[in-house]
Amino acid sequence: MSNSKQVVVVGGSVAGLFSALLLSREGHRVKLVEKEALEECDSPVEAFEKWDRRGAPQTRHSHAFLARLHNEIKAREPKLYAALLEAGAETIPFTEMTREFFPDEELLPEDDEITLLACRRMTFDWVLRRHISAETDTEILSGVQVVGLEAHPDAETGLPRVTGVRVSRDQSDPLTLEADLVVDATGRNTRLAHWLEDIGADPLEQESESCGIFYCSRFYRLLPGVEAPTMEGPIGADLGYMKYAIFMGDSGIFSITLAASPDDDALRQLRKPAVFDAAARNLPTTSRWVDSAVSEPVTDVSTFANLKNTYRYFVREGQPLALGLFPVGDALMHQNPLAGRGCTMAWLSAQLLSEAFAKHPEDPIAFARALDAEVIRQVHPWYQTMRDQDRSAGELLREEQSGTDPYGFQREDGSIDPKAYMRSMLKDGLMPALREDITVLRAFLRVFNLLDAPGDLMARPDLMQKVLAVWQKREQRVPISFGPQRAEMVSTLEAAQS
């Protein structure tokens, strides 16, 4: 290939693996540098038991592989898709999601696009690594630490021009891997800002604020001969004081995730296995799944804290901080993991990078500008949406804790509190409409699965009319219980501790 370039991808988690796969498909010579020395495993079960992945702690938590990612892999990498299914991954089509509430509804052809992939993250990574090794010429360097960038001033722009990375194995003297392009896929704890400072680049700017939660996950295995319980209602819910969800995996394994405010001392005890299981038994969606006659835990409780919504601006006013370098995945943008978008966003950012590099392999500044334009158009809106949702959730929780009704929109003077009105519309309009109107559910799931842009569903007149009609009947509807009040849950957790 005449435009074949040498690329170094730093980071062997899913964003790095996607980048290596897509860039190698374009004919580039790719070296993937991975800090962790992962031992070879013959099966995903063995990898789940042996791989620690301290550099990617999220691999021990629940994952959702959204429809956009499912569809891209199925269309572009059929061998990878087949290997995932062979490893035990399962699909969750729209028909399965709608069966309980809309058994007789006529589906649309495009509903086939709304299909999720159910799989443990460790299984996904294991299959993906083997696929890259078998199907591409990517050279994977494991147990290798990147200690900095090699760069020189670009004669035309004066910007630092990255020409490679300095790496070290076992703290030995660094050596240089030359590259026409370096991809930073080192995750949320990237050292990109320090690397840029060392080569004389302008400071890396970023927006970052707390998600307002910590979360805990635990994996369970269905007992031999036991079928998975049917899903009755949503796979998760937000109780205000706590969020929860259940995630289907592969090989008869599923996981449960519980999340709460890091300032809630009582709920911080969810980190303890007995307390976690007690909470799961006290939630209507998960209680049947954790019954001792149905499943058994196969892991301890993993905790993820200090969670932030973060976006890093590598290009400002059309000028990249350095040439021949760009971040992808969590190194570029990461958000509240409860949205389940991480792996799909990793694919999207890697795809945009490979497409921009294919168009501008000889012009690093045109490459950076083209890539940034697409990132701002396709990636950045999801960051803004998640940040705003977390801000609203924080406000709601603070009002509840202060004794204020966050849904009471009628003021004493007769005027309407717009924030409380919208909360009421979401709680008593949109949420029940998802169970009563398949058109609303379809639109919601298309956005949730990144198939449609994250525009406000409530801004669509057709959907707003449907949601409003459901909301106006809120007094006639029997309230749906997604879980106990906080006081009852805290009592349950305290009993479990004792």
Protein backbone atom coordinates (compact mmCIF):
# COMPACT_ATOMS: atom_id res chain seq x y z
CA MET A 1 0.00 0.00 0.00
CA SER A 2 1.58 3.30 -1.12
CA ASN A 3 0.30 5.27 1.88
CA SER A 4 1.21 2.64 4.45
CA LYS A 5 2.49 4.33 7.60
CA GLN A 6 4.11 3.21 10.84
CA VAL A 7 1.67 3.63 13.73
CA VAL A 8 2.27 3.10 17.44
CA VAL A 9 -0.86 2.59 19.54
CA VAL A 10 -0.22 3.09 23.25
CA GLY A 11 -2.58 1.08 25.46
CA GLY A 12 -3.92 -2.42 25.03
CA SER A 13 -7.42 -2.02 26.37
CA VAL A 14 -10.45 -1.87 24.10
CA ALA A 15 -9.74 1.59 22.60
CA GLY A 16 -6.20 0.55 21.72
CA LEU A 17 -7.34 -2.79 20.33
CA PHE A 18 -10.00 -1.12 18.16
CA SER A 19 -7.45 1.43 16.91
CA ALA A 20 -4.96 -1.28 16.04
CA LEU A 21 -7.62 -3.31 14.23
CA LEU A 22 -9.01 -0.46 12.15
CA LEU A 23 -5.64 1.09 11.28
CA SER A 24 -4.20 -2.27 10.26
CA ARG A 25 -7.25 -2.79 8.03
CA GLU A 26 -6.20 0.42 6.24
CA GLY A 27 -2.84 -1.18 5.50
CA HIS A 28 -0.74 0.57 8.13
CA ARG A 29 2.06 -1.11 10.06
CA VAL A 30 0.85 -1.09 13.66
CA LYS A 31 2.68 -1.71 16.91
CA LEU A 32 0.48 -1.98 19.99
CA VAL A 33 2.30 -1.17 23.24
CA GLU A 34 0.69 -2.65 26.36
CA LYS A 35 2.03 -1.94 29.85
CA GLU A 36 0.56 -5.08 31.39
CA ALA A 37 2.10 -8.46 30.61
CA LEU A 38 -1.01 -10.59 30.15
CA GLU A 39 -0.36 -14.31 30.16
CA GLU A 40 -1.73 -16.42 27.35
CA CYS A 41 -5.07 -18.03 28.19
CA ASP A 42 -6.84 -20.77 26.28
CA SER A 43 -10.35 -19.58 27.03
CA PRO A 44 -12.24 -16.49 28.18
CA VAL A 45 -13.07 -18.30 31.41
CA GLU A 46 -9.35 -18.67 32.12
CA ALA A 47 -8.75 -15.03 31.22
CA PHE A 48 -11.55 -13.96 33.57
CA GLU A 49 -9.86 -15.87 36.37
CA LYS A 50 -6.25 -14.85 35.69
CA TRP A 51 -6.17 -11.40 34.09
CA ASP A 52 -5.94 -8.70 36.74
CA ARG A 53 -5.98 -5.67 34.37
CA ARG A 54 -5.02 -3.07 36.97
CA GLY A 55 -4.63 -0.57 34.16
CA ALA A 56 -8.25 -1.20 33.12
CA PRO A 57 -10.20 -1.80 36.36
CA GLN A 58 -13.50 -1.40 34.53
CA THR A 59 -13.00 -4.88 33.06
CA ARG A 60 -14.18 -6.26 36.42
CA HIS A 61 -17.46 -4.39 36.16
CA SER A 62 -20.69 -4.72 34.21
CA HIS A 63 -20.65 -3.78 30.54
CA ALA A 64 -23.18 -3.02 27.85
CA PHE A 65 -22.12 -3.45 24.23
CA LEU A 66 -24.63 -1.16 22.61
CA ALA A 67 -26.40 -1.64 19.30
CA ARG A 68 -24.16 0.75 17.39
CA LEU A 69 -21.08 -1.28 18.34
CA HIS A 70 -22.87 -4.59 17.72
CA ASN A 71 -23.89 -3.46 14.23
CA GLU A 72 -20.44 -2.12 13.31
CA ILE A 73 -18.66 -5.31 14.34
CA LYS A 74 -21.21 -7.53 12.61
CA ALA A 75 -20.92 -5.58 9.35
CA ARG A 76 -17.18 -4.81 9.28
CA GLU A 77 -15.60 -7.72 11.17
CA PRO A 78 -17.77 -10.81 10.61
CA LYS A 79 -15.04 -13.17 11.84
CA LEU A 80 -14.77 -11.22 15.08
CA TYR A 81 -18.55 -11.28 15.44
CA ALA A 82 -18.64 -15.05 14.90
CA ALA A 83 -15.83 -15.55 17.42
CA LEU A 84 -17.70 -13.56 20.06
CA LEU A 85 -20.82 -15.67 19.60
CA GLU A 86 -18.73 -18.84 19.71
CA ALA A 87 -17.23 -17.64 23.00
CA GLY A 88 -20.70 -17.43 24.51
CA ALA A 89 -21.80 -13.87 23.75
CA GLU A 90 -25.51 -13.49 23.04
CA THR A 91 -27.58 -10.91 21.22
CA ILE A 92 -30.49 -9.01 22.77
CA PRO A 93 -32.76 -7.87 19.91
CA PHE A 94 -35.52 -5.30 20.07
CA THR A 95 -38.10 -8.09 19.93
CA GLU A 96 -36.81 -9.44 23.24
CA MET A 97 -36.80 -5.99 24.84
CA THR A 98 -40.41 -5.37 23.84
CA ARG A 99 -41.91 -8.84 24.34
CA GLU A 100 -43.33 -8.25 27.81
CA PHE A 101 -45.19 -4.98 27.21
CA PHE A 102 -45.80 -5.09 23.45
CA PRO A 103 -46.23 -8.77 22.48
CA ASP A 104 -48.64 -8.06 19.61
CA GLU A 105 -47.10 -4.89 18.17
CA GLU A 106 -45.98 -4.96 14.56
CA LEU A 107 -42.28 -4.18 14.40
CA LEU A 108 -40.50 -2.09 11.78
CA PRO A 109 -37.65 -3.35 9.58
CA GLU A 110 -35.26 -0.85 11.16
CA ASP A 111 -35.95 -2.35 14.60
CA ASP A 112 -33.35 -4.99 13.74
CA GLU A 113 -30.77 -2.24 14.22
CA ILE A 114 -31.63 -2.14 17.93
CA THR A 115 -29.71 -5.23 18.95
CA LEU A 116 -27.30 -5.29 21.89
CA LEU A 117 -24.47 -7.74 22.53
CA ALA A 118 -24.44 -9.45 25.94
CA CYS A 119 -20.91 -10.35 26.96
CA ARG A 120 -18.47 -9.93 29.81
CA ARG A 121 -15.81 -7.31 29.13
CA MET A 122 -13.01 -9.80 29.82
CA THR A 123 -14.47 -12.20 27.25
CA PHE A 124 -14.76 -9.38 24.73
CA ASP A 125 -11.12 -8.33 25.22
CA TRP A 126 -9.86 -11.93 25.03
CA VAL A 127 -11.66 -12.59 21.75
CA LEU A 128 -10.64 -9.22 20.29
CA ARG A 129 -6.94 -9.70 21.11
CA ARG A 130 -6.93 -13.17 19.50
CA HIS A 131 -8.75 -11.83 16.44
CA ILE A 132 -6.19 -9.05 15.94
CA SER A 133 -3.31 -11.50 16.33
CA ALA A 134 -4.83 -13.93 13.83
CA GLU A 135 -6.29 -11.54 11.26
CA THR A 136 -3.83 -8.62 11.14
CA ASP A 137 -0.09 -7.98 11.12
CA THR A 138 -0.28 -5.92 14.31
CA GLU A 139 2.74 -6.42 16.56
CA ILE A 140 1.63 -6.55 20.20
CA LEU A 141 4.36 -5.57 22.69
CA SER A 142 3.23 -6.63 26.18
CA GLY A 143 4.89 -5.63 29.44
CA VAL A 144 6.27 -2.48 27.83
CA GLN A 145 6.00 0.94 29.49
CA VAL A 146 5.90 4.20 27.51
CA VAL A 147 8.08 6.78 29.27
CA GLY A 148 7.66 9.68 26.87
CA LEU A 149 7.39 10.97 23.30
CA GLU A 150 10.05 11.66 20.72
CA ALA A 151 9.44 14.95 18.90
CA HIS A 152 11.08 17.85 17.08
CA PRO A 153 9.77 21.29 16.04
CA ASP A 154 7.88 21.22 12.75
CA ALA A 155 9.55 23.56 10.28
CA GLU A 156 6.30 24.90 8.82
CA THR A 157 4.07 25.30 11.91
CA GLY A 158 6.52 25.39 14.80
CA LEU A 159 4.42 22.78 16.58
CA PRO A 160 6.06 19.73 18.15
CA ARG A 161 6.12 16.94 15.56
CA VAL A 162 5.86 13.56 17.28
CA THR A 163 8.09 10.97 15.60
CA GLY A 164 7.80 8.08 18.04
CA VAL A 165 7.63 6.94 21.64
CA ARG A 166 10.31 6.01 24.17
CA VAL A 167 9.57 2.69 25.81
CA SER A 168 11.10 0.57 28.52
CA ARG A 169 10.68 -3.04 29.59
CA ASP A 170 11.42 -4.01 33.21
CA GLN A 171 12.87 -0.55 33.92
CA SER A 172 15.63 -1.10 31.38
CA ASP A 173 17.12 1.76 29.37
CA PRO A 174 14.49 3.30 27.08
CA LEU A 175 14.50 2.63 23.37
CA THR A 176 12.57 4.50 20.68
CA LEU A 177 9.76 3.14 18.52
CA GLU A 178 9.53 5.36 15.45
CA ALA A 179 6.08 6.32 14.22
CA ASP A 180 4.32 8.49 11.69
CA LEU A 181 1.34 8.51 14.06
CA VAL A 182 1.06 7.84 17.78
CA VAL A 183 -2.38 6.98 19.18
CA ASP A 184 -2.93 7.56 22.89
CA ALA A 185 -5.34 4.87 24.09
CA THR A 186 -4.13 4.76 27.70
CA GLY A 187 -7.51 5.50 29.27
CA ARG A 188 -8.86 7.96 31.77
CA ASN A 189 -5.55 8.16 33.66
CA THR A 190 -3.57 9.08 30.56
CA ARG A 191 -0.25 10.88 31.03
CA LEU A 192 -0.85 12.82 27.83
CA ALA A 193 -0.62 16.21 29.58
CA HIS A 194 2.83 15.33 30.99
CA TRP A 195 4.04 13.92 27.66
CA LEU A 196 2.99 17.12 25.90
CA GLU A 197 4.69 19.30 28.52
CA ASP A 198 7.91 17.35 28.09
CA ILE A 199 8.04 18.08 24.34
CA GLY A 200 7.25 21.77 24.76
CA ALA A 201 3.62 21.72 23.63
CA ASP A 202 1.00 24.12 24.93
CA PRO A 203 -0.92 22.87 28.01
CA LEU A 204 -3.67 20.31 27.46
CA GLU A 205 -7.03 21.80 28.42
CA GLN A 206 -9.83 19.67 29.78
CA GLU A 207 -13.27 19.91 31.34
CA SER A 208 -13.88 17.56 34.25
CA GLU A 209 -16.44 17.23 37.00
CA SER A 210 -17.63 14.51 39.31
CA CYS A 211 -20.35 12.09 38.21
CA GLY A 212 -21.60 12.17 41.81
CA ILE A 213 -21.52 8.39 42.26
CA PHE A 214 -19.41 5.39 43.11
CA TYR A 215 -20.53 1.98 41.96
CA CYS A 216 -20.05 -1.67 42.83
CA SER A 217 -20.38 -4.76 40.63
CA ARG A 218 -20.53 -8.48 41.30
CA PHE A 219 -20.71 -11.42 38.89
CA TYR A 220 -22.89 -14.50 39.38
CA ARG A 221 -23.24 -17.82 37.56
CA LEU A 222 -26.52 -19.61 36.95
CA LEU A 223 -26.54 -23.00 38.63
CA PRO A 224 -26.35 -26.09 36.38
CA GLY A 225 -29.70 -26.87 34.79
CA VAL A 226 -31.26 -23.57 35.89
CA GLU A 227 -32.68 -21.26 33.24
CA ALA A 228 -32.29 -17.51 33.55
CA PRO A 229 -35.33 -15.83 35.11
CA THR A 230 -37.46 -13.84 32.70
CA MET A 231 -37.05 -10.10 32.72
CA GLU A 232 -40.11 -8.45 34.20
CA GLY A 233 -39.85 -4.73 33.68
CA PRO A 234 -36.67 -2.67 33.18
CA ILE A 235 -33.20 -4.12 33.72
CA GLY A 236 -32.48 -1.30 36.16
CA ALA A 237 -33.84 1.79 37.84
CA ASP A 238 -32.92 4.99 39.63
CA LEU A 239 -34.30 5.09 43.18
CA GLY A 240 -32.90 8.54 43.83
CA TYR A 241 -30.62 7.43 46.64
CA MET A 242 -29.35 4.46 44.60
CA LYS A 243 -29.17 3.28 41.00
CA TYR A 244 -29.06 -0.36 39.99
CA ALA A 245 -29.00 -2.57 36.91
CA ILE A 246 -28.55 -6.19 35.90
CA PHE A 247 -26.40 -7.09 32.88
CA MET A 248 -26.48 -10.29 30.85
CA GLY A 249 -23.05 -11.80 30.17
CA ASP A 250 -21.84 -14.91 28.44
CA SER A 251 -21.55 -18.57 29.49
CA GLY A 252 -24.41 -18.35 31.97
CA ILE A 253 -22.79 -15.50 33.87
CA PHE A 254 -24.47 -12.19 34.66
CA SER A 255 -23.58 -9.18 36.77
CA ILE A 256 -25.33 -6.67 38.98
CA THR A 257 -24.22 -3.09 39.52
CA LEU A 258 -25.30 -0.83 42.39
CA ALA A 259 -24.41 2.87 42.52
CA ALA A 260 -24.85 5.62 45.10
CA SER A 261 -23.43 8.93 46.22
CA PRO A 262 -19.91 8.71 47.66
CA ASP A 263 -21.16 10.94 50.49
CA ASP A 264 -23.75 8.36 51.60
CA ASP A 265 -21.90 6.51 54.37
CA ALA A 266 -24.62 3.90 54.85
CA LEU A 267 -24.58 2.91 51.18
CA ARG A 268 -20.80 2.86 50.99
CA GLN A 269 -21.13 -0.47 52.81
CA LEU A 270 -22.29 -1.96 49.51
CA ARG A 271 -18.62 -2.73 48.95
CA LYS A 272 -18.99 -5.67 51.34
CA PRO A 273 -20.24 -8.92 49.71
CA ALA A 274 -22.88 -9.72 52.34
CA VAL A 275 -24.25 -6.18 52.19
CA PHE A 276 -24.22 -6.15 48.38
CA ASP A 277 -26.16 -9.41 48.20
CA ALA A 278 -28.66 -8.18 50.79
CA ALA A 279 -29.35 -5.11 48.66
CA ALA A 280 -29.72 -7.22 45.51
CA ARG A 281 -32.23 -9.48 47.29
CA ASN A 282 -34.23 -6.40 48.26
CA LEU A 283 -34.70 -5.09 44.71
CA PRO A 284 -37.57 -6.40 42.57
CA THR A 285 -35.54 -6.72 39.36
CA THR A 286 -32.57 -8.57 40.85
CA SER A 287 -34.08 -10.55 43.74
CA ARG A 288 -35.01 -13.63 41.69
CA TRP A 289 -31.62 -13.70 40.00
CA VAL A 290 -29.60 -13.86 43.23
CA ASP A 291 -31.79 -16.51 44.84
CA SER A 292 -29.48 -19.27 46.15
CA ALA A 293 -31.49 -21.82 44.14
CA VAL A 294 -30.83 -19.88 40.93
CA SER A 295 -27.25 -18.60 41.01
CA GLU A 296 -24.05 -18.30 42.98
CA PRO A 297 -21.51 -15.46 43.12
CA VAL A 298 -18.28 -16.09 41.22
CA THR A 299 -16.41 -12.90 42.13
CA ASP A 300 -15.94 -10.59 45.03
CA VAL A 301 -17.49 -7.09 44.90
CA SER A 302 -15.48 -4.68 42.73
CA THR A 303 -15.74 -0.96 43.47
CA PHE A 304 -15.12 1.97 41.16
CA ALA A 305 -14.89 5.45 42.68
CA ASN A 306 -13.65 8.96 41.84
CA LEU A 307 -15.73 8.87 38.67
CA LYS A 308 -15.75 11.97 36.48
CA ASN A 309 -17.14 13.23 33.21
CA THR A 310 -14.04 14.48 31.38
CA TYR A 311 -13.33 15.86 27.93
CA ARG A 312 -9.81 16.73 26.71
CA TYR A 313 -9.39 19.38 24.01
CA PHE A 314 -6.43 18.30 21.90
CA VAL A 315 -7.29 20.77 19.11
CA ARG A 316 -8.19 24.37 19.93
CA GLU A 317 -9.19 26.91 17.25
CA GLY A 318 -8.01 24.57 14.51
CA GLN A 319 -4.56 24.09 15.99
CA PRO A 320 -3.51 20.71 17.47
CA LEU A 321 -1.16 20.71 20.43
CA ALA A 322 1.22 18.44 18.56
CA LEU A 323 1.44 16.82 15.12
CA GLY A 324 1.39 13.06 14.61
CA LEU A 325 -0.49 12.37 17.83
CA PHE A 326 -4.13 12.02 18.91
CA PRO A 327 -6.03 10.52 21.90
CA VAL A 328 -8.93 8.08 21.55
CA GLY A 329 -11.39 6.37 23.90
CA ASP A 330 -11.24 7.38 27.56
CA ALA A 331 -8.01 9.31 26.96
CA LEU A 332 -10.09 11.69 24.83
CA MET A 333 -13.44 11.60 26.63
CA HIS A 334 -14.86 9.54 29.45
CA GLN A 335 -18.18 9.79 31.20
CA ASN A 336 -20.40 8.19 33.79
CA PRO A 337 -19.92 4.45 33.17
CA LEU A 338 -23.53 3.70 34.13
CA ALA A 339 -24.51 4.92 30.66
CA GLY A 340 -22.67 1.90 29.21
CA ARG A 341 -21.18 3.93 26.36
CA GLY A 342 -17.47 3.41 26.98
CA CYS A 343 -16.73 0.58 24.53
CA THR A 344 -18.99 2.01 21.85
CA MET A 345 -17.31 5.41 22.19
CA ALA A 346 -13.92 3.70 22.00
CA TRP A 347 -14.92 2.17 18.66
CA LEU A 348 -16.36 5.45 17.37
CA SER A 349 -13.27 7.51 18.21
CA ALA A 350 -10.96 4.84 16.75
CA GLN A 351 -13.09 4.69 13.61
CA LEU A 352 -13.04 8.46 13.16
CA LEU A 353 -9.26 8.46 13.64
CA SER A 354 -8.64 5.72 11.06
CA GLU A 355 -10.92 7.45 8.53
CA ALA A 356 -9.25 10.85 8.99
CA PHE A 357 -5.77 9.30 8.72
CA ALA A 358 -6.80 7.51 5.52
CA LYS A 359 -7.76 10.88 4.00
CA HIS A 360 -4.70 12.81 5.20
CA PRO A 361 -1.78 10.40 5.69
CA GLU A 362 0.81 12.98 4.54
CA ASP A 363 -0.63 16.10 6.19
CA PRO A 364 -0.67 15.86 10.01
CA ILE A 365 -2.37 19.19 10.58
CA ALA A 366 -5.15 18.45 8.07
CA PHE A 367 -5.54 15.05 9.72
CA ALA A 368 -5.89 16.61 13.18
CA ARG A 369 -8.36 19.23 12.01
CA ALA A 370 -10.52 16.75 10.10
CA LEU A 371 -10.55 14.32 13.01
CA ASP A 372 -11.34 17.00 15.57
CA ALA A 373 -14.24 18.29 13.49
CA GLU A 374 -15.83 14.83 13.46
CA VAL A 375 -15.09 14.27 17.15
CA ILE A 376 -16.79 17.54 18.02
CA ARG A 377 -19.76 16.58 15.85
CA GLN A 378 -20.15 12.94 16.87
CA VAL A 379 -18.45 12.44 20.26
CA HIS A 380 -18.60 15.70 22.20
CA PRO A 381 -22.44 15.90 22.34
CA TRP A 382 -22.53 12.65 24.32
CA TYR A 383 -20.16 14.14 26.89
CA GLN A 384 -22.36 17.23 27.24
CA THR A 385 -25.50 15.10 27.57
CA MET A 386 -24.03 12.90 30.31
CA ARG A 387 -22.59 15.86 32.19
CA ASP A 388 -25.95 17.63 32.19
CA GLN A 389 -27.79 14.47 33.28
CA ASP A 390 -25.41 13.99 36.21
CA ARG A 391 -25.81 17.62 37.23
CA SER A 392 -29.60 17.20 37.24
CA ALA A 393 -29.34 13.95 39.22
CA GLY A 394 -27.19 15.71 41.80
CA GLU A 395 -29.69 18.54 42.15
CA LEU A 396 -32.55 16.08 42.56
CA LEU A 397 -30.71 14.14 45.27
CA ARG A 398 -29.85 17.30 47.19
CA GLU A 399 -33.48 18.43 47.14
CA GLU A 400 -34.66 15.03 48.37
CA GLN A 401 -32.10 15.11 51.19
CA SER A 402 -33.24 18.59 52.22
CA GLY A 403 -36.85 17.41 52.50
CA THR A 404 -38.02 19.26 49.38
CA ASP A 405 -40.23 17.47 46.90
CA PRO A 406 -38.15 17.63 43.69
CA TYR A 407 -41.25 16.83 41.61
CA GLY A 408 -43.53 19.48 43.14
CA PHE A 409 -43.79 21.90 40.25
CA GLN A 410 -46.74 24.00 41.48
CA ARG A 411 -45.45 27.00 43.44
CA GLU A 412 -47.47 28.70 46.19
CA ASP A 413 -48.08 31.73 43.97
CA GLY A 414 -49.53 29.49 41.27
CA SER A 415 -46.53 29.69 38.96
CA ILE A 416 -44.71 26.63 37.61
CA ASP A 417 -41.19 25.58 38.58
CA PRO A 418 -39.81 24.53 35.16
CA LYS A 419 -37.14 22.14 36.52
CA ALA A 420 -39.59 20.35 38.79
CA TYR A 421 -42.12 20.22 35.96
CA MET A 422 -39.63 18.49 33.66
CA ARG A 423 -38.67 16.06 36.43
CA SER A 424 -42.32 15.20 36.89
CA MET A 425 -42.73 14.82 33.14
CA LEU A 426 -39.80 12.40 33.01
CA LYS A 427 -40.84 10.42 36.09
CA ASP A 428 -44.59 10.23 35.49
CA GLY A 429 -44.63 10.72 31.72
CA LEU A 430 -41.61 9.36 29.91
CA MET A 431 -40.85 6.41 32.20
CA PRO A 432 -44.35 4.91 32.11
CA ALA A 433 -44.65 5.78 28.40
CA LEU A 434 -41.74 3.43 27.75
CA ARG A 435 -44.02 0.62 28.93
CA GLU A 436 -47.19 1.90 27.24
CA ASP A 437 -46.16 3.24 23.82
CA ILE A 438 -43.75 1.34 21.57
CA THR A 439 -43.03 4.48 19.53
CA VAL A 440 -41.62 6.20 22.60
CA LEU A 441 -39.64 3.11 23.59
CA ARG A 442 -38.22 2.78 20.09
CA ALA A 443 -37.05 6.40 20.03
CA PHE A 444 -35.59 6.10 23.52
CA LEU A 445 -33.66 2.92 22.72
CA ARG A 446 -32.28 4.34 19.48
CA VAL A 447 -30.74 7.22 21.39
CA PHE A 448 -29.64 4.99 24.27
CA ASN A 449 -27.84 2.74 21.78
CA LEU A 450 -26.14 5.67 20.00
CA LEU A 451 -28.05 4.98 16.78
CA ASP A 452 -29.54 8.48 16.85
CA ALA A 453 -27.98 11.71 18.07
CA PRO A 454 -28.46 12.65 21.73
CA GLY A 455 -31.05 15.31 21.04
CA ASP A 456 -33.72 15.90 23.63
CA LEU A 457 -36.50 13.38 23.03
CA MET A 458 -38.89 15.77 24.70
CA ALA A 459 -38.18 18.31 21.96
CA ARG A 460 -39.85 16.09 19.36
CA PRO A 461 -43.47 17.24 19.08
CA ASP A 462 -44.82 13.78 18.23
CA LEU A 463 -43.13 12.16 21.21
CA MET A 464 -43.93 15.04 23.55
CA GLN A 465 -47.63 14.64 22.80
CA LYS A 466 -47.48 10.94 23.66
CA VAL A 467 -45.51 11.53 26.87
CA LEU A 468 -47.83 14.36 27.88
CA ALA A 469 -50.87 12.14 27.36
CA VAL A 470 -49.35 9.51 29.68
CA TRP A 471 -48.33 12.15 32.24
CA GLN A 472 -51.86 13.59 32.39
CA LYS A 473 -53.09 10.18 33.60
CA ARG A 474 -50.54 9.99 36.42
CA GLU A 475 -53.18 10.19 39.15
CA GLN A 476 -55.07 7.23 37.65
CA ARG A 477 -52.02 4.98 37.45
CA VAL A 478 -50.92 2.63 40.20
CA PRO A 479 -47.38 3.72 41.14
CA ILE A 480 -44.67 1.34 39.99
CA SER A 481 -42.21 0.32 42.67
CA PHE A 482 -38.65 -0.13 41.48
CA GLY A 483 -37.37 -0.66 44.99
CA PRO A 484 -37.75 0.25 48.66
CA GLN A 485 -37.42 3.66 50.22
CA ARG A 486 -33.97 4.56 51.51
CA ALA A 487 -34.82 3.98 55.17
CA GLU A 488 -35.94 0.42 54.48
CA MET A 489 -32.86 -0.30 52.37
CA VAL A 490 -30.52 1.09 55.02
CA SER A 491 -32.15 -1.13 57.65
CA THR A 492 -31.61 -4.12 55.37
CA LEU A 493 -27.94 -3.24 54.90
CA GLU A 494 -27.38 -2.71 58.61
CA ALA A 495 -28.89 -6.11 59.37
CA ALA A 496 -26.60 -7.71 56.78
CA GLN A 497 -23.55 -6.13 58.39
CA SER A 498 -24.42 -7.45 61.81
